[in-house]
Amino acid sequence: MLTGAGFVLEANYEAVAKYVDPFSKGILGILVAYLYRLVTFRAEPASRPD
């Protein structure tokens, strides 16, 4: 089933890419922003009760 869908979509690659490309770039941007947050995040030390 997936192979057949691949053959159909390959024949219309330009049409499919026109719609998928903006979403894939958006997801890539979100992933890069999340990875940046992971790298630069500094946890605050836990406060100890006195």
PDB file of N, CA and C in Angstrom:
ATOM      1  N   MET A   1       0.826  -1.193   0.000  1.00  0.00           N
ATOM      2  CA  MET A   1       0.000   0.000   0.000  1.00  0.00           C
ATOM      3  C   MET A   1       0.866   1.252   0.000  1.00  0.00           C
ATOM      4  N   LEU A   2       1.872   1.305   0.883  1.00  0.00           N
ATOM      5  CA  LEU A   2       2.742   2.477   0.916  1.00  0.00           C
ATOM      6  C   LEU A   2       3.570   2.598  -0.355  1.00  0.00           C
ATOM      7  N   THR A   3       3.950   1.482  -0.924  1.00  0.00           N
ATOM      8  CA  THR A   3       4.706   1.511  -2.177  1.00  0.00           C
ATOM      9  C   THR A   3       3.871   2.113  -3.287  1.00  0.00           C
ATOM     10  N   GLY A   4       2.628   1.720  -3.359  1.00  0.00           N
ATOM     11  CA  GLY A   4       1.736   2.277  -4.376  1.00  0.00           C
ATOM     12  C   GLY A   4       1.523   3.767  -4.189  1.00  0.00           C
ATOM     13  N   ALA A   5       1.371   4.195  -2.942  1.00  0.00           N
ATOM     14  CA  ALA A   5       1.218   5.630  -2.670  1.00  0.00           C
ATOM     15  C   ALA A   5       2.490   6.380  -3.059  1.00  0.00           C
ATOM     16  N   GLY A   6       3.644   5.752  -2.827  1.00  0.00           N
ATOM     17  CA  GLY A   6       4.908   6.380  -3.211  1.00  0.00           C
ATOM     18  C   GLY A   6       5.005   6.585  -4.708  1.00  0.00           C
ATOM     19  N   PHE A   7       4.582   5.598  -5.485  1.00  0.00           N
ATOM     20  CA  PHE A   7       4.615   5.743  -6.939  1.00  0.00           C
ATOM     21  C   PHE A   7       3.667   6.837  -7.409  1.00  0.00           C
ATOM     22  N   VAL A   8       2.496   6.928  -6.818  1.00  0.00           N
ATOM     23  CA  VAL A   8       1.527   7.956  -7.215  1.00  0.00           C
ATOM     24  C   VAL A   8       2.042   9.342  -6.849  1.00  0.00           C
ATOM     25  N   LEU A   9       2.584   9.476  -5.634  1.00  0.00           N
ATOM     26  CA  LEU A   9       3.070  10.784  -5.197  1.00  0.00           C
ATOM     27  C   LEU A   9       4.329  11.193  -5.940  1.00  0.00           C
ATOM     28  N   GLU A  10       5.154  10.239  -6.313  1.00  0.00           N
ATOM     29  CA  GLU A  10       6.374  10.569  -7.056  1.00  0.00           C
ATOM     30  C   GLU A  10       6.033  11.179  -8.410  1.00  0.00           C
ATOM     31  N   ALA A  11       4.987  10.687  -9.013  1.00  0.00           N
ATOM     32  CA  ALA A  11       4.576  11.219 -10.309  1.00  0.00           C
ATOM     33  C   ALA A  11       4.111  12.666 -10.182  1.00  0.00           C
ATOM     34  N   ASN A  12       3.614  13.051  -9.020  1.00  0.00           N
ATOM     35  CA  ASN A  12       3.128  14.412  -8.785  1.00  0.00           C
ATOM     36  C   ASN A  12       3.982  15.129  -7.734  1.00  0.00           C
ATOM     37  N   TYR A  13       5.295  14.914  -7.774  1.00  0.00           N
ATOM     38  CA  TYR A  13       6.178  15.427  -6.730  1.00  0.00           C
ATOM     39  C   TYR A  13       6.083  16.948  -6.592  1.00  0.00           C
ATOM     40  N   GLU A  14       6.077  17.665  -7.694  1.00  0.00           N
ATOM     41  CA  GLU A  14       6.043  19.129  -7.637  1.00  0.00           C
ATOM     42  C   GLU A  14       4.772  19.627  -6.954  1.00  0.00           C
ATOM     43  N   ALA A  15       3.643  18.998  -7.270  1.00  0.00           N
ATOM     44  CA  ALA A  15       2.373  19.415  -6.670  1.00  0.00           C
ATOM     45  C   ALA A  15       2.357  19.111  -5.175  1.00  0.00           C
ATOM     46  N   VAL A  16       2.871  17.966  -4.783  1.00  0.00           N
ATOM     47  CA  VAL A  16       2.903  17.586  -3.375  1.00  0.00           C
ATOM     48  C   VAL A  16       3.880  18.485  -2.618  1.00  0.00           C
ATOM     49  N   ALA A  17       5.048  18.731  -3.198  1.00  0.00           N
ATOM     50  CA  ALA A  17       6.078  19.547  -2.550  1.00  0.00           C
ATOM     51  C   ALA A  17       5.578  20.969  -2.309  1.00  0.00           C
ATOM     52  N   LYS A  18       4.738  21.467  -3.184  1.00  0.00           N
ATOM     53  CA  LYS A  18       4.207  22.827  -3.037  1.00  0.00           C
ATOM     54  C   LYS A  18       3.421  22.973  -1.730  1.00  0.00           C
ATOM     55  N   TYR A  19       2.735  21.931  -1.312  1.00  0.00           N
ATOM     56  CA  TYR A  19       1.929  21.979  -0.096  1.00  0.00           C
ATOM     57  C   TYR A  19       2.691  21.510   1.141  1.00  0.00           C
ATOM     58  N   VAL A  20       3.589  20.560   0.983  1.00  0.00           N
ATOM     59  CA  VAL A  20       4.291  19.974   2.123  1.00  0.00           C
ATOM     60  C   VAL A  20       5.474  20.836   2.563  1.00  0.00           C
ATOM     61  N   ASP A  21       6.122  21.513   1.634  1.00  0.00           N
ATOM     62  CA  ASP A  21       7.341  22.262   1.929  1.00  0.00           C
ATOM     63  C   ASP A  21       7.171  23.300   3.039  1.00  0.00           C
ATOM     64  N   PRO A  22       6.139  24.141   3.039  1.00  0.00           N
ATOM     65  CA  PRO A  22       6.000  25.107   4.143  1.00  0.00           C
ATOM     66  C   PRO A  22       5.848  24.438   5.509  1.00  0.00           C
ATOM     67  N   PHE A  23       5.126  23.336   5.571  1.00  0.00           N
ATOM     68  CA  PHE A  23       4.954  22.635   6.844  1.00  0.00           C
ATOM     69  C   PHE A  23       6.259  22.019   7.320  1.00  0.00           C
ATOM     70  N   SER A  24       7.014  21.446   6.400  1.00  0.00           N
ATOM     71  CA  SER A  24       8.279  20.827   6.793  1.00  0.00           C
ATOM     72  C   SER A  24       9.275  21.874   7.274  1.00  0.00           C
ATOM     73  N   LYS A  25       9.271  23.046   6.665  1.00  0.00           N
ATOM     74  CA  LYS A  25      10.159  24.118   7.128  1.00  0.00           C
ATOM     75  C   LYS A  25       9.726  24.627   8.494  1.00  0.00           C
ATOM     76  N   GLY A  26       8.433  24.699   8.724  1.00  0.00           N
ATOM     77  CA  GLY A  26       7.935  25.117  10.037  1.00  0.00           C
ATOM     78  C   GLY A  26       8.305  24.134  11.124  1.00  0.00           C
ATOM     79  N   ILE A  27       8.160  22.855  10.844  1.00  0.00           N
ATOM     80  CA  ILE A  27       8.524  21.831  11.819  1.00  0.00           C
ATOM     81  C   ILE A  27      10.021  21.859  12.086  1.00  0.00           C
ATOM     82  N   LEU A  28      10.822  22.070  11.050  1.00  0.00           N
ATOM     83  CA  LEU A  28      12.269  22.170  11.228  1.00  0.00           C
ATOM     84  C   LEU A  28      12.616  23.375  12.097  1.00  0.00           C
ATOM     85  N   GLY A  29      11.943  24.496  11.889  1.00  0.00           N
ATOM     86  CA  GLY A  29      12.173  25.682  12.718  1.00  0.00           C
ATOM     87  C   GLY A  29      11.826  25.440  14.175  1.00  0.00           C
ATOM     88  N   ILE A  30      10.722  24.772  14.418  1.00  0.00           N
ATOM     89  CA  ILE A  30      10.331  24.457  15.798  1.00  0.00           C
ATOM     90  C   ILE A  30      11.352  23.531  16.438  1.00  0.00           C
ATOM     91  N   LEU A  31      11.841  22.557  15.691  1.00  0.00           N
ATOM     92  CA  LEU A  31      12.849  21.630  16.204  1.00  0.00           C
ATOM     93  C   LEU A  31      14.142  22.355  16.548  1.00  0.00           C
ATOM     94  N   VAL A  32      14.582  23.258  15.691  1.00  0.00           N
ATOM     95  CA  VAL A  32      15.806  24.023  15.950  1.00  0.00           C
ATOM     96  C   VAL A  32      15.621  24.899  17.182  1.00  0.00           C
ATOM     97  N   ALA A  33      14.476  25.549  17.314  1.00  0.00           N
ATOM     98  CA  ALA A  33      14.220  26.394  18.487  1.00  0.00           C
ATOM     99  C   ALA A  33      14.209  25.564  19.763  1.00  0.00           C
ATOM    100  N   TYR A  34      13.639  24.386  19.723  1.00  0.00           N
ATOM    101  CA  TYR A  34      13.600  23.512  20.899  1.00  0.00           C
ATOM    102  C   TYR A  34      14.998  23.035  21.273  1.00  0.00           C
ATOM    103  N   LEU A  35      15.785  22.650  20.268  1.00  0.00           N
ATOM    104  CA  LEU A  35      17.155  22.226  20.548  1.00  0.00           C
ATOM    105  C   LEU A  35      17.980  23.375  21.124  1.00  0.00           C
ATOM    106  N   TYR A  36      17.775  24.590  20.625  1.00  0.00           N
ATOM    107  CA  TYR A  36      18.463  25.760  21.173  1.00  0.00           C
ATOM    108  C   TYR A  36      18.078  25.954  22.636  1.00  0.00           C
ATOM    109  N   ARG A  37      16.808  25.793  22.945  1.00  0.00           N
ATOM    110  CA  ARG A  37      16.352  25.933  24.328  1.00  0.00           C
ATOM    111  C   ARG A  37      16.977  24.869  25.219  1.00  0.00           C
ATOM    112  N   LEU A  38      17.083  23.646  24.728  1.00  0.00           N
ATOM    113  CA  LEU A  38      17.696  22.583  25.511  1.00  0.00           C
ATOM    114  C   LEU A  38      19.165  22.880  25.812  1.00  0.00           C
ATOM    115  N   VAL A  39      19.862  23.423  24.837  1.00  0.00           N
ATOM    116  CA  VAL A  39      21.286  23.689  25.002  1.00  0.00           C
ATOM    117  C   VAL A  39      21.518  24.873  25.928  1.00  0.00           C
ATOM    118  N   THR A  40      20.683  25.890  25.854  1.00  0.00           N
ATOM    119  CA  THR A  40      20.924  27.121  26.605  1.00  0.00           C
ATOM    120  C   THR A  40      20.180  27.191  27.927  1.00  0.00           C
ATOM    121  N   PHE A  41      19.359  26.217  28.253  1.00  0.00           N
ATOM    122  CA  PHE A  41      18.558  26.265  29.469  1.00  0.00           C
ATOM    123  C   PHE A  41      19.439  26.047  30.695  1.00  0.00           C
ATOM    124  N   ARG A  42      19.250  26.903  31.681  1.00  0.00           N
ATOM    125  CA  ARG A  42      19.961  26.753  32.949  1.00  0.00           C
ATOM    126  C   ARG A  42      18.929  26.614  34.055  1.00  0.00           C
ATOM    127  N   ALA A  43      18.954  25.483  34.677  1.00  0.00           N
ATOM    128  CA  ALA A  43      18.009  25.239  35.761  1.00  0.00           C
ATOM    129  C   ALA A  43      18.418  26.045  36.997  1.00  0.00           C
ATOM    130  N   GLU A  44      17.419  26.598  37.657  1.00  0.00           N
ATOM    131  CA  GLU A  44      17.696  27.311  38.896  1.00  0.00           C
ATOM    132  C   GLU A  44      17.917  26.284  40.008  1.00  0.00           C
ATOM    133  N   PRO A  45      18.868  26.567  40.886  1.00  0.00           N
ATOM    134  CA  PRO A  45      19.074  25.607  41.982  1.00  0.00           C
ATOM    135  C   PRO A  45      17.839  25.504  42.844  1.00  0.00           C
ATOM    136  N   ALA A  46      17.569  24.334  43.310  1.00  0.00           N
ATOM    137  CA  ALA A  46      16.405  24.100  44.155  1.00  0.00           C
ATOM    138  C   ALA A  46      16.619  24.831  45.479  1.00  0.00           C
ATOM    139  N   SER A  47      15.604  25.539  45.911  1.00  0.00           N
ATOM    140  CA  SER A  47      15.724  26.253  47.181  1.00  0.00           C
ATOM    141  C   SER A  47      15.536  25.280  48.337  1.00  0.00           C
ATOM    142  N   ARG A  48      16.355  25.434  49.332  1.00  0.00           N
ATOM    143  CA  ARG A  48      16.267  24.552  50.508  1.00  0.00           C
ATOM    144  C   ARG A  48      15.441  25.231  51.573  1.00  0.00           C
ATOM    145  N   PRO A  49      14.546  24.488  52.176  1.00  0.00           N
ATOM    146  CA  PRO A  49      13.783  25.097  53.280  1.00  0.00           C
ATOM    147  C   PRO A  49      14.705  25.335  54.477  1.00  0.00           C
ATOM    148  N   ASP A  50      14.561  26.487  55.066  1.00  0.00           N
ATOM    149  CA  ASP A  50      15.418  26.850  56.207  1.00  0.00           C
ATOM    150  C   ASP A  50      14.877  26.323  57.501  1.00  0.00           C
TER     151      ASP A  50
END
